[in-house]
Amino acid sequence: MSEERMTERDKIRVSFSGGRTSALMTKHIVDKYSATHEILITFANTGCEAEETLKFVDQCDKVWGWGVVWLESWFTLERGKGVVSRVVNYETASRKGEPFEWYIKKNGLPNRQNPRCTDRLKEHCMDHYTHHVVGWKRGSYFTAIGIRGDEFDRISEKFRENGFIYPLVDLGITKDQVKIELQKWPFDLNLESEAYGNCVWCWKKSFRKLYTLANESPEIFKFPLKMEAKYGQHRLGEKEVAPRVMFRGVKSTTDIIEEASIKKHRPYRDCDGLQQELFDVELDSSIGCSESCEMGHN
């Protein structure tokens, strides 16, 4: 599916999300192909990533010498103008949601009806840098994405035409195997829980994860509270829209915080066997949000 096609092109762009799976995939690509392929490793920061994620990306880069290019999206409010990338680093990376707010200013609040934040803040940002700064033409490179063998359902239906490859799917690497491999590394992603992965408050997360975060780290929700207050009446072009909220079931950030305090639920815990056994459709269903927010997944 993926690596069998590697000899067709001599360039590989690695989409490093900042998660453990993505890190293992990146190391595999560098170790196996650095002598035969030109490799570009990019990390797109939304400004809402956990600080531990930023530290992990920085450690991977320094310890393994990957030369990660840190990117952030910038949006002009002029209609018809697309995403422009800007290069940052660990020290200068946004930490107050600045890129995400620029996205919202132009596109409105993200939710199930407006689910383009990953496209605009990650994929289009990486594309702009790859095509307009580095100068790689579309179709001249593959894009390696960190999805595991036990996440097969997250593969894009258009992976061939988009040049996406999934090395860990080819290798059949599972979540447990990723953890075993990273235990051999001299550092780790020190998130308190997988619930804190991706944009920490991500609207795609399950209600169980969101309720757990609201009870354990309520400060996480300051940003979405602010965005709903500022842009809930956002006008798109000439069309007036009804007040918008971010979360499933037409729930606002305030709803999530209030429900977390009154609804009975088991807090989310990594590898909780009982939790998996007692899977609750309402609490545990997500909108494609795994431990990492990858470009081009279904």
Protein backbone atom coordinates (compact mmCIF):
# COMPACT_ATOMS: atom_id res chain seq x y z
CA MET A 1 0.00 0.00 0.00
CA SER A 2 2.71 2.46 0.94
CA GLU A 3 6.39 1.69 1.03
CA GLU A 4 6.26 -0.53 -2.06
CA ARG A 5 5.78 2.74 -3.98
CA MET A 6 8.77 4.51 -2.40
CA THR A 7 11.11 3.94 -5.33
CA GLU A 8 8.74 5.87 -7.62
CA ARG A 9 9.83 9.24 -6.19
CA ASP A 10 12.99 10.50 -4.49
CA LYS A 11 11.36 12.98 -2.10
CA ILE A 12 9.44 12.33 1.13
CA ARG A 13 7.59 14.92 3.16
CA VAL A 14 6.99 13.77 6.73
CA SER A 15 3.94 15.14 8.53
CA PHE A 16 5.12 15.04 12.15
CA SER A 17 2.10 15.71 14.39
CA GLY A 18 4.00 15.66 17.69
CA GLY A 19 2.53 12.38 18.95
CA ARG A 20 4.35 9.15 19.82
CA THR A 21 3.11 7.25 16.76
CA SER A 22 4.11 10.07 14.47
CA ALA A 23 7.54 10.27 16.11
CA LEU A 24 8.18 6.56 15.60
CA MET A 25 7.09 6.84 11.97
CA THR A 26 9.40 9.82 11.45
CA LYS A 27 12.40 7.96 12.90
CA HIS A 28 11.62 4.96 10.69
CA ILE A 29 11.56 7.15 7.57
CA VAL A 30 14.79 8.96 8.45
CA ASP A 31 16.64 5.79 9.41
CA LYS A 32 15.56 3.87 6.31
CA TYR A 33 15.49 6.50 3.56
CA SER A 34 17.84 9.38 4.44
CA ALA A 35 20.60 7.92 2.26
CA THR A 36 18.39 7.53 -0.81
CA HIS A 37 15.69 10.20 -0.54
CA GLU A 38 15.39 13.92 0.10
CA ILE A 39 13.37 14.25 3.31
CA LEU A 40 11.40 17.27 4.58
CA ILE A 41 9.97 17.02 8.11
CA THR A 42 7.30 19.55 9.10
CA PHE A 43 5.38 20.19 12.31
CA ALA A 44 2.33 22.48 12.08
CA ASN A 45 1.52 24.26 15.34
CA THR A 46 -2.03 25.53 15.91
CA GLY A 47 -1.21 27.47 19.06
CA CYS A 48 -3.46 25.16 21.07
CA GLU A 49 -1.07 22.24 21.49
CA ALA A 50 -0.06 21.08 24.95
CA GLU A 51 3.31 22.44 26.07
CA GLU A 52 4.45 18.83 26.52
CA THR A 53 3.82 18.22 22.82
CA LEU A 54 5.99 21.18 21.85
CA LYS A 55 8.75 19.95 24.18
CA PHE A 56 8.55 16.46 22.66
CA VAL A 57 8.90 17.80 19.10
CA ASP A 58 11.90 19.87 20.21
CA GLN A 59 13.52 16.89 21.95
CA CYS A 60 13.01 14.61 18.93
CA ASP A 61 14.63 17.21 16.72
CA LYS A 62 17.62 17.82 19.00
CA VAL A 63 18.30 14.19 19.94
CA TRP A 64 17.80 12.62 16.51
CA GLY A 65 18.90 15.60 14.40
CA TRP A 66 15.87 15.60 12.14
CA GLY A 67 15.84 19.27 11.15
CA VAL A 68 12.13 19.67 11.84
CA VAL A 69 10.60 22.75 10.23
CA TRP A 70 8.08 24.35 12.62
CA LEU A 71 5.21 25.99 10.76
CA GLU A 72 2.15 28.05 11.61
CA SER A 73 -0.72 29.14 9.39
CA TRP A 74 -1.37 32.80 8.71
CA PHE A 75 -4.62 34.03 7.19
CA THR A 76 -5.42 37.23 5.39
CA LEU A 77 -9.06 38.25 5.77
CA GLU A 78 -9.19 39.15 2.08
CA ARG A 79 -11.60 36.86 0.27
CA GLY A 80 -10.06 34.43 -2.20
CA LYS A 81 -6.66 34.43 -0.49
CA GLY A 82 -5.45 31.09 0.86
CA VAL A 83 -3.28 30.00 3.76
CA VAL A 84 0.29 31.26 4.04
CA SER A 85 2.86 29.45 6.17
CA ARG A 86 5.32 31.10 8.49
CA VAL A 87 8.36 29.44 10.02
CA VAL A 88 8.76 29.49 13.81
CA ASN A 89 10.70 27.39 16.33
CA TYR A 90 10.23 25.99 19.83
CA GLU A 91 10.93 29.33 21.46
CA THR A 92 8.80 31.48 19.14
CA ALA A 93 5.89 29.05 18.55
CA SER A 94 2.44 30.41 19.40
CA ARG A 95 1.04 29.21 22.71
CA LYS A 96 -2.14 31.29 23.05
CA GLY A 97 -4.05 29.98 20.04
CA GLU A 98 -3.02 32.82 17.72
CA PRO A 99 -3.05 30.79 14.45
CA PHE A 100 -6.33 29.17 15.47
CA GLU A 101 -7.96 32.55 16.14
CA TRP A 102 -6.88 33.82 12.73
CA TYR A 103 -8.51 30.73 11.23
CA ILE A 104 -11.74 31.46 13.14
CA LYS A 105 -11.73 35.13 12.13
CA LYS A 106 -11.84 34.10 8.50
CA ASN A 107 -13.71 30.80 8.55
CA GLY A 108 -15.91 30.89 11.64
CA LEU A 109 -15.99 28.53 14.61
CA PRO A 110 -15.03 24.92 13.84
CA ASN A 111 -17.65 22.23 14.46
CA ARG A 112 -19.30 19.30 12.69
CA GLN A 113 -20.81 21.63 10.09
CA ASN A 114 -17.54 23.52 9.59
CA PRO A 115 -14.81 20.88 10.12
CA ARG A 116 -11.94 22.41 8.14
CA CYS A 117 -9.53 23.37 10.93
CA THR A 118 -7.14 20.46 10.27
CA ASP A 119 -7.09 21.28 6.55
CA ARG A 120 -6.39 24.97 7.05
CA LEU A 121 -4.12 24.85 10.08
CA LYS A 122 -2.05 21.82 9.13
CA GLU A 123 -2.42 20.48 5.58
CA HIS A 124 -2.69 23.78 3.68
CA CYS A 125 0.06 25.28 5.83
CA MET A 126 2.44 22.42 5.02
CA ASP A 127 1.45 22.56 1.34
CA HIS A 128 2.21 26.27 1.10
CA TYR A 129 5.66 25.80 2.61
CA THR A 130 6.42 22.71 0.50
CA HIS A 131 5.33 24.19 -2.81
CA HIS A 132 6.08 27.91 -2.49
CA VAL A 133 9.08 27.98 -0.17
CA VAL A 134 10.90 24.68 -0.74
CA GLY A 135 9.78 24.49 -4.36
CA TRP A 136 8.64 20.87 -4.52
CA LYS A 137 5.96 20.36 -7.17
CA ARG A 138 2.77 18.42 -6.49
CA GLY A 139 3.21 14.80 -7.50
CA SER A 140 6.99 14.88 -7.05
CA TYR A 141 6.99 13.58 -3.46
CA PHE A 142 5.20 11.27 -1.04
CA THR A 143 3.74 12.46 2.28
CA ALA A 144 4.35 10.07 5.18
CA ILE A 145 1.61 10.10 7.83
CA GLY A 146 1.79 8.57 11.31
CA ILE A 147 -1.18 6.22 11.47
CA ARG A 148 -0.75 2.75 13.01
CA GLY A 149 -1.79 -0.66 11.76
CA ASP A 150 -4.65 -0.73 14.29
CA GLU A 151 -5.93 2.61 12.96
CA PHE A 152 -6.52 1.35 9.43
CA ASP A 153 -9.93 3.04 9.30
CA ARG A 154 -8.26 6.48 9.46
CA ILE A 155 -6.57 6.08 6.07
CA SER A 156 -7.71 8.60 3.47
CA GLU A 157 -9.82 7.18 0.68
CA LYS A 158 -7.77 9.34 -1.70
CA PHE A 159 -4.36 8.28 -0.38
CA ARG A 160 -3.07 7.20 -3.80
CA GLU A 161 -4.00 10.34 -5.71
CA ASN A 162 -2.72 12.54 -2.85
CA GLY A 163 0.58 10.68 -2.54
CA PHE A 164 -0.03 9.68 1.09
CA ILE A 165 1.88 6.75 2.56
CA TYR A 166 1.40 5.06 5.94
CA PRO A 167 4.63 3.23 6.87
CA LEU A 168 3.40 1.96 10.26
CA VAL A 169 0.29 0.49 8.64
CA ASP A 170 2.54 -1.45 6.26
CA LEU A 171 4.58 -2.66 9.23
CA GLY A 172 1.48 -3.60 11.23
CA ILE A 173 2.64 -1.51 14.21
CA THR A 174 0.08 -1.33 17.02
CA LYS A 175 -0.39 1.10 19.89
CA ASP A 176 1.30 -1.25 22.37
CA GLN A 177 4.26 -1.69 20.04
CA VAL A 178 4.68 2.08 19.76
CA LYS A 179 4.85 2.34 23.56
CA ILE A 180 7.38 -0.50 23.77
CA GLU A 181 9.61 1.12 21.14
CA LEU A 182 9.51 4.55 22.75
CA GLN A 183 10.45 3.08 26.13
CA LYS A 184 13.87 2.55 24.54
CA TRP A 185 14.23 6.28 23.81
CA PRO A 186 16.03 8.60 26.27
CA PHE A 187 12.91 10.81 26.55
CA ASP A 188 9.15 10.56 26.11
CA LEU A 189 6.00 12.55 25.45
CA ASN A 190 5.11 13.48 29.01
CA LEU A 191 1.42 14.16 28.60
CA GLU A 192 -0.57 13.38 31.72
CA SER A 193 -2.97 11.39 29.53
CA GLU A 194 -3.81 10.85 25.86
CA ALA A 195 -6.85 13.03 26.55
CA TYR A 196 -4.46 16.03 26.46
CA GLY A 197 -3.23 15.23 22.94
CA ASN A 198 -3.96 17.34 19.82
CA CYS A 199 -5.40 20.79 20.44
CA VAL A 200 -6.04 20.30 24.12
CA TRP A 201 -9.76 21.27 23.97
CA CYS A 202 -10.39 19.74 20.51
CA TRP A 203 -14.09 19.70 19.59
CA LYS A 204 -13.60 16.28 17.96
CA LYS A 205 -12.76 14.57 21.26
CA SER A 206 -15.20 12.27 23.03
CA PHE A 207 -17.38 13.73 25.77
CA ARG A 208 -15.61 11.49 28.30
CA LYS A 209 -12.27 13.06 27.40
CA LEU A 210 -13.74 16.57 27.41
CA TYR A 211 -15.48 16.08 30.77
CA THR A 212 -12.28 14.66 32.25
CA LEU A 213 -10.27 17.64 31.00
CA ALA A 214 -12.90 20.11 32.26
CA ASN A 215 -12.71 18.63 35.77
CA GLU A 216 -8.94 18.16 35.91
CA SER A 217 -7.67 21.18 33.93
CA PRO A 218 -10.49 23.70 33.45
CA GLU A 219 -8.04 26.37 32.27
CA ILE A 220 -7.82 24.44 28.98
CA PHE A 221 -11.24 25.76 28.01
CA LYS A 222 -10.40 29.47 28.32
CA PHE A 223 -9.60 29.63 24.60
CA PRO A 224 -12.84 28.07 23.24
CA LEU A 225 -14.86 30.12 25.74
CA LYS A 226 -13.23 33.26 24.37
CA MET A 227 -13.72 32.20 20.75
CA GLU A 228 -17.43 31.44 21.18
CA ALA A 229 -17.93 34.80 22.92
CA LYS A 230 -16.09 36.73 20.19
CA TYR A 231 -17.15 34.85 17.07
CA GLY A 232 -20.45 33.13 17.90
CA GLN A 233 -22.23 35.66 15.68
CA HIS A 234 -19.56 35.48 12.97
CA ARG A 235 -20.75 36.65 9.55
CA LEU A 236 -19.48 34.64 6.58
CA GLY A 237 -19.49 36.89 3.53
CA GLU A 238 -22.90 38.54 3.18
CA LYS A 239 -24.77 35.70 4.89
CA GLU A 240 -25.97 36.19 8.45
CA VAL A 241 -25.53 33.03 10.50
CA ALA A 242 -27.16 31.92 13.74
CA PRO A 243 -25.07 31.86 16.93
CA ARG A 244 -22.46 29.13 16.59
CA VAL A 245 -21.01 26.75 19.15
CA MET A 246 -18.22 24.20 18.77
CA PHE A 247 -19.18 20.89 20.29
CA ARG A 248 -21.42 18.00 19.23
CA GLY A 249 -25.10 18.10 20.06
CA VAL A 250 -25.02 21.90 19.60
CA LYS A 251 -23.21 22.21 22.93
CA SER A 252 -21.21 25.27 23.88
CA THR A 253 -18.01 25.28 25.87
CA THR A 254 -20.05 26.38 28.88
CA ASP A 255 -22.31 23.35 28.39
CA ILE A 256 -19.30 21.03 28.41
CA ILE A 257 -17.91 22.54 31.61
CA GLU A 258 -21.28 22.43 33.39
CA GLU A 259 -22.07 18.87 32.29
CA ALA A 260 -18.63 17.70 33.43
CA SER A 261 -19.50 18.75 36.98
CA ILE A 262 -22.96 17.17 37.16
CA LYS A 263 -23.01 14.14 34.85
CA LYS A 264 -21.87 10.85 36.34
CA HIS A 265 -19.02 9.41 34.30
CA ARG A 266 -15.82 7.45 34.78
CA PRO A 267 -12.87 9.80 34.09
CA TYR A 268 -10.91 8.94 30.95
CA ARG A 269 -7.78 6.93 31.64
CA ASP A 270 -5.29 5.51 29.13
CA CYS A 271 -5.54 1.75 28.60
CA ASP A 272 -8.50 1.47 30.97
CA GLY A 273 -9.67 -2.10 30.33
CA LEU A 274 -12.93 -1.63 32.20
CA GLN A 275 -13.62 1.56 30.29
CA GLN A 276 -13.14 -0.27 27.00
CA GLU A 277 -15.41 -3.06 28.17
CA LEU A 278 -18.11 -0.58 29.19
CA PHE A 279 -17.87 1.55 26.03
CA ASP A 280 -20.61 4.16 26.05
CA VAL A 281 -21.73 5.43 22.63
CA GLU A 282 -22.67 8.86 23.97
CA LEU A 283 -19.56 9.38 26.12
CA ASP A 284 -16.84 7.58 24.18
CA SER A 285 -17.61 8.31 20.52
CA SER A 286 -15.38 10.90 18.90
CA ILE A 287 -15.21 12.55 15.49
CA GLY A 288 -12.05 10.92 14.19
CA CYS A 289 -9.89 12.30 16.99
CA SER A 290 -7.16 9.86 18.00
CA GLU A 291 -3.98 10.59 19.95
CA SER A 292 -2.80 12.81 17.09
CA CYS A 293 -4.53 15.04 14.59
CA GLU A 294 -3.15 13.90 11.26
CA MET A 295 -3.58 15.51 7.86
CA GLY A 296 -5.63 13.65 5.27
CA HIS A 297 -7.42 11.13 7.48
CA ASN A 298 -11.08 10.16 7.17
